[in-house]
Amino acid sequence: MATVPDSSTPPSPRHSTSSSQIDEVEEKNMISLGSIKTIAELYKITPSVIRRAEVARYKPSRAVERVSLFQGDITKLKIDAIVNAANRSLLGGGGVDGAIHNAAGPKLLDECRTLNGCETGKSKITKGYDLPARHIIHTVGPIYSEKDKDEKAEQLASCYETCLEVAIENEVRHVAFCSISTGIYSYPIVAATRIALETARDVLDSEKGSKIERIIFVVWSDKDKNVYQTLIPEYFPPYEEQEVQEEAESVVVETSTQAAPAEKEAGDKE
């Protein structure tokens, strides 16, 4: 005969975990914005995690203080929004899309059903539900084709741009991007990374981009991390306060020197 446990008997450790303890464990597994270093901070680490590029495509600016590279699980980030590389239906799929839907819970799918899908290169926003992130920005990347690579490049750039536009419209300050289209959509990682970095830099340099406080590029594999570490310095070179100030002063001096003959000529005429 089975025995009924005495109510005075303390529960086994297996069943003694309270909801508050579960919440505490989940909180520890979350990754806060403050724990993710910016590219500016990574430049200062010795030996440097991010090495300077021989030739930079952009001038140094404080944009480097608003960009991060993170290797890990995007569903653990406790920030304003993460980006989901979705399919056109927005109803979930494989890879990061499936991982985000699983982590966010069934209510995400319910909301996605109301969005009527999404076109390639466009983006739509939902709540984050069970994720630490407040929002999910869903974007549909292109399926790569060498034959139509110029069109695919435009579509991929549009993914990053429209994600940031949606973020700004919804007062989202922090956005974490997965590497869009580089999985089953087969976009070459180097070309895709260049598009991601260039688009992000252009938006951050714009007036509207001032509302974005942090862009985080999230990678899973060492291979993808190495690509980002190699290319980031071309688009986000280190910002040295003194170097930028000296460059500005040299422009002022050059302008003053050019103006001097004109002033002298005006004085001679008098």
Protein backbone atom coordinates (compact mmCIF):
# COMPACT_ATOMS: atom_id res chain seq x y z
CA MET A 1 0.00 0.00 0.00
CA ALA A 2 1.27 3.43 -0.89
CA THR A 3 1.86 5.73 2.02
CA VAL A 4 0.67 9.32 2.16
CA PRO A 5 3.47 11.66 3.22
CA ASP A 6 3.03 13.32 6.59
CA SER A 7 2.16 16.98 6.06
CA SER A 8 4.79 17.85 8.62
CA THR A 9 7.51 16.20 6.54
CA PRO A 10 9.58 18.86 4.75
CA PRO A 11 9.40 18.65 0.96
CA SER A 12 12.33 17.15 -0.91
CA PRO A 13 14.82 19.60 -2.40
CA ARG A 14 13.47 18.72 -5.82
CA HIS A 15 10.08 20.26 -4.98
CA SER A 16 11.16 22.98 -2.59
CA THR A 17 12.16 25.60 -5.14
CA SER A 18 9.92 28.64 -4.78
CA SER A 19 8.82 30.84 -7.67
CA SER A 20 11.01 33.61 -6.29
CA GLN A 21 14.03 31.30 -6.42
CA ILE A 22 13.21 30.37 -10.01
CA ASP A 23 12.92 34.06 -10.89
CA GLU A 24 16.29 34.66 -9.24
CA VAL A 25 17.94 31.91 -11.31
CA GLU A 26 16.38 33.27 -14.49
CA GLU A 27 17.54 36.78 -13.59
CA LYS A 28 21.11 35.51 -13.19
CA ASN A 29 20.96 33.96 -16.65
CA MET A 30 19.98 37.28 -18.20
CA ILE A 31 22.62 39.51 -19.71
CA SER A 32 22.26 43.21 -18.99
CA LEU A 33 23.37 46.04 -21.24
CA GLY A 34 25.89 47.19 -18.67
CA SER A 35 27.76 43.88 -18.83
CA ILE A 36 28.40 44.19 -22.58
CA LYS A 37 31.47 46.24 -23.46
CA THR A 38 31.38 48.80 -26.24
CA ILE A 39 33.82 48.67 -29.14
CA ALA A 40 35.50 51.75 -27.65
CA GLU A 41 36.16 49.77 -24.47
CA LEU A 42 37.39 46.73 -26.40
CA TYR A 43 40.00 48.88 -28.16
CA LYS A 44 41.52 49.64 -24.76
CA ILE A 45 41.90 46.00 -23.70
CA THR A 46 45.49 44.71 -23.84
CA PRO A 47 46.11 42.69 -25.90
CA SER A 48 43.39 44.38 -27.87
CA VAL A 49 40.36 42.25 -28.75
CA ILE A 50 39.65 44.60 -31.65
CA ARG A 51 42.75 45.55 -33.65
CA ARG A 52 42.98 48.79 -35.60
CA ALA A 53 42.47 48.62 -39.36
CA GLU A 54 45.27 49.71 -41.68
CA VAL A 55 42.74 51.67 -43.73
CA ALA A 56 39.45 52.85 -42.21
CA ARG A 57 36.42 53.54 -44.37
CA TYR A 58 35.02 56.10 -41.90
CA LYS A 59 36.56 58.81 -39.78
CA PRO A 60 36.79 58.30 -36.01
CA SER A 61 33.72 59.43 -34.09
CA ARG A 62 31.89 58.79 -30.85
CA ALA A 63 29.73 56.26 -32.71
CA VAL A 64 32.29 53.70 -31.54
CA GLU A 65 30.97 54.25 -28.01
CA ARG A 66 27.49 53.09 -29.06
CA VAL A 67 28.35 49.78 -30.73
CA SER A 68 29.09 46.37 -29.21
CA LEU A 69 30.01 42.86 -30.31
CA PHE A 70 28.60 40.02 -28.24
CA GLN A 71 29.06 36.27 -28.64
CA GLY A 72 26.27 34.27 -27.07
CA ASP A 73 22.53 33.70 -26.85
CA ILE A 74 20.50 36.65 -28.13
CA THR A 75 17.42 35.46 -26.20
CA LYS A 76 19.20 36.18 -22.89
CA LEU A 77 19.74 39.89 -23.51
CA LYS A 78 17.88 42.18 -21.13
CA ILE A 79 17.63 45.24 -23.37
CA ASP A 80 14.98 47.23 -25.23
CA ALA A 81 14.81 45.04 -28.35
CA ILE A 82 16.38 42.10 -30.12
CA VAL A 83 16.11 41.48 -33.86
CA ASN A 84 14.63 38.25 -35.18
CA ALA A 85 15.71 36.99 -38.60
CA ALA A 86 12.22 35.86 -39.57
CA ASN A 87 10.58 34.39 -42.65
CA ARG A 88 7.86 36.18 -44.60
CA SER A 89 5.05 34.57 -42.61
CA LEU A 90 6.48 35.75 -39.25
CA LEU A 91 5.07 32.54 -37.77
CA GLY A 92 8.35 31.03 -36.62
CA GLY A 93 10.87 28.74 -38.25
CA GLY A 94 14.28 27.25 -37.65
CA GLY A 95 17.53 28.71 -36.37
CA VAL A 96 17.40 31.93 -34.39
CA ASP A 97 13.76 32.45 -35.45
CA GLY A 98 12.70 29.24 -33.75
CA ALA A 99 14.87 29.94 -30.71
CA ILE A 100 13.29 33.36 -30.21
CA HIS A 101 9.74 32.02 -30.60
CA ASN A 102 10.46 29.21 -28.13
CA ALA A 103 11.95 31.57 -25.56
CA ALA A 104 9.24 34.22 -25.96
CA GLY A 105 6.37 31.75 -25.54
CA PRO A 106 3.07 31.16 -27.38
CA LYS A 107 1.77 34.71 -27.01
CA LEU A 108 4.40 35.86 -29.51
CA LEU A 109 2.92 33.63 -32.19
CA ASP A 110 -0.55 34.96 -31.36
CA GLU A 111 0.59 38.54 -31.97
CA CYS A 112 2.54 37.59 -35.10
CA ARG A 113 -0.64 36.13 -36.60
CA THR A 114 -2.15 39.63 -36.52
CA LEU A 115 0.71 41.20 -38.52
CA ASN A 116 -0.14 39.60 -41.89
CA GLY A 117 3.45 38.67 -42.64
CA CYS A 118 6.29 40.91 -43.74
CA GLU A 119 8.03 41.69 -47.03
CA THR A 120 11.71 41.01 -47.64
CA GLY A 121 13.79 43.94 -46.44
CA LYS A 122 11.05 45.26 -44.14
CA SER A 123 10.60 45.07 -40.37
CA LYS A 124 7.78 44.85 -37.81
CA ILE A 125 7.77 45.03 -34.02
CA THR A 126 6.09 42.96 -31.31
CA LYS A 127 6.29 42.64 -27.56
CA GLY A 128 9.03 40.47 -26.09
CA TYR A 129 6.67 38.43 -23.88
CA ASP A 130 8.72 35.86 -21.92
CA LEU A 131 12.04 37.23 -23.17
CA PRO A 132 14.17 39.57 -21.04
CA ALA A 133 14.01 42.00 -23.99
CA ARG A 134 11.00 44.34 -24.03
CA HIS A 135 10.46 44.06 -27.78
CA ILE A 136 11.28 41.90 -30.78
CA ILE A 137 11.85 43.52 -34.16
CA HIS A 138 11.17 40.97 -36.88
CA THR A 139 12.88 41.45 -40.23
CA VAL A 140 12.90 39.31 -43.37
CA GLY A 141 16.31 38.94 -44.97
CA PRO A 142 16.95 38.00 -48.59
CA ILE A 143 17.77 34.52 -49.83
CA TYR A 144 21.21 35.00 -51.37
CA SER A 145 21.76 34.65 -55.09
CA GLU A 146 25.04 35.47 -56.81
CA LYS A 147 23.07 36.31 -59.95
CA ASP A 148 21.07 39.01 -58.13
CA LYS A 149 23.68 40.01 -55.56
CA ASP A 150 23.17 43.77 -56.00
CA GLU A 151 19.44 43.47 -55.35
CA LYS A 152 20.09 41.16 -52.39
CA ALA A 153 22.58 43.65 -50.94
CA GLU A 154 19.97 46.41 -51.12
CA GLN A 155 17.41 44.18 -49.41
CA LEU A 156 19.81 43.22 -46.64
CA ALA A 157 20.78 46.85 -46.03
CA SER A 158 17.07 47.65 -45.89
CA CYS A 159 16.63 45.05 -43.14
CA TYR A 160 19.12 46.83 -40.89
CA GLU A 161 17.85 50.29 -41.79
CA THR A 162 14.15 49.52 -41.29
CA CYS A 163 14.89 47.74 -38.00
CA LEU A 164 16.54 50.91 -36.71
CA GLU A 165 13.74 53.08 -38.08
CA VAL A 166 11.16 50.92 -36.29
CA ALA A 167 13.28 51.12 -33.14
CA ILE A 168 13.41 54.92 -33.26
CA GLU A 169 9.66 55.18 -33.94
CA ASN A 170 8.97 53.04 -30.87
CA GLU A 171 11.48 54.77 -28.57
CA VAL A 172 13.73 51.71 -28.47
CA ARG A 173 17.20 52.78 -27.36
CA HIS A 174 19.11 49.48 -27.50
CA VAL A 175 18.94 47.03 -30.42
CA ALA A 176 20.68 43.67 -30.72
CA PHE A 177 21.10 42.24 -34.22
CA CYS A 178 21.67 38.63 -35.11
CA SER A 179 23.56 38.07 -38.37
CA ILE A 180 20.65 38.36 -40.82
CA SER A 181 20.44 35.95 -43.80
CA THR A 182 23.78 34.24 -43.10
CA GLY A 183 22.20 30.94 -42.01
CA ILE A 184 19.93 28.91 -44.27
CA TYR A 185 19.55 31.94 -46.56
CA SER A 186 23.26 31.50 -47.40
CA TYR A 187 24.38 35.14 -47.53
CA PRO A 188 28.22 35.20 -47.43
CA ILE A 189 29.23 36.25 -43.93
CA VAL A 190 31.89 38.78 -44.95
CA ALA A 191 29.62 40.62 -47.40
CA ALA A 192 26.71 40.50 -44.94
CA THR A 193 28.85 41.86 -42.12
CA ARG A 194 30.06 44.77 -44.24
CA ILE A 195 26.45 45.69 -45.04
CA ALA A 196 25.47 45.45 -41.36
CA LEU A 197 28.35 47.65 -40.18
CA GLU A 198 28.01 50.23 -42.96
CA THR A 199 24.26 50.62 -42.47
CA ALA A 200 24.61 50.88 -38.71
CA ARG A 201 27.35 53.51 -39.00
CA ASP A 202 25.32 55.59 -41.47
CA VAL A 203 22.27 55.54 -39.21
CA LEU A 204 24.28 56.41 -36.09
CA ASP A 205 25.87 59.33 -37.94
CA SER A 206 22.45 60.69 -38.96
CA GLU A 207 20.31 63.07 -36.93
CA LYS A 208 17.66 60.44 -36.26
CA GLY A 209 20.34 57.99 -35.20
CA SER A 210 21.14 60.08 -32.12
CA LYS A 211 18.14 58.40 -30.46
CA ILE A 212 19.85 55.00 -30.59
CA GLU A 213 22.08 54.52 -27.55
CA ARG A 214 23.49 51.09 -28.39
CA ILE A 215 23.64 48.68 -31.31
CA ILE A 216 24.82 45.18 -30.41
CA PHE A 217 25.96 42.73 -33.06
CA VAL A 218 25.35 39.22 -31.73
CA VAL A 219 27.23 36.22 -33.09
CA TRP A 220 27.18 32.57 -32.12
CA SER A 221 30.20 30.97 -33.79
CA ASP A 222 33.88 31.82 -33.46
CA LYS A 223 34.04 32.13 -37.24
CA ASP A 224 31.42 34.90 -37.31
CA LYS A 225 33.03 36.60 -34.31
CA ASN A 226 36.38 36.70 -36.09
CA VAL A 227 34.79 38.27 -39.18
CA TYR A 228 33.22 41.04 -37.10
CA GLN A 229 36.43 41.63 -35.14
CA THR A 230 38.33 42.00 -38.41
CA LEU A 231 35.86 44.35 -40.13
CA ILE A 232 34.61 46.53 -37.27
CA PRO A 233 37.73 48.77 -37.24
CA GLU A 234 37.09 49.76 -40.87
CA TYR A 235 33.68 51.19 -40.00
CA PHE A 236 34.20 52.11 -36.35
CA PRO A 237 37.85 53.13 -35.95
CA PRO A 238 39.02 54.09 -32.45
CA TYR A 239 38.05 57.56 -31.35
CA GLU A 240 40.89 59.51 -29.79
CA GLU A 241 39.77 62.83 -28.34
CA GLN A 242 43.16 64.43 -28.91
CA GLU A 243 43.49 63.20 -32.52
CA VAL A 244 40.05 64.50 -33.47
CA GLN A 245 40.73 67.84 -31.78
CA GLU A 246 44.08 68.21 -33.58
CA GLU A 247 42.40 67.41 -36.91
CA ALA A 248 39.77 70.08 -36.26
CA GLU A 249 42.45 72.61 -35.29
CA SER A 250 44.43 71.89 -38.47
CA VAL A 251 41.33 72.64 -40.54
CA VAL A 252 40.90 75.97 -38.72
CA VAL A 253 44.56 76.86 -39.27
CA GLU A 254 44.36 75.95 -42.96
CA THR A 255 41.21 78.04 -43.38
CA SER A 256 42.82 80.99 -41.61
CA THR A 257 45.92 80.73 -43.82
CA GLN A 258 43.80 80.74 -46.96
CA ALA A 259 41.85 83.76 -45.74
CA ALA A 260 44.99 85.81 -44.96
CA PRO A 261 45.90 86.81 -48.58
CA ALA A 262 42.33 87.94 -49.20
CA GLU A 263 42.40 90.11 -46.09
CA LYS A 264 45.78 91.55 -47.11
CA GLU A 265 44.51 92.34 -50.60
CA ALA A 266 41.51 94.13 -49.13
CA GLY A 267 43.84 96.16 -46.91
CA ASP A 268 46.05 97.16 -49.87
CA LYS A 269 43.04 98.47 -51.76
CA GLU A 270 42.17 100.73 -48.87
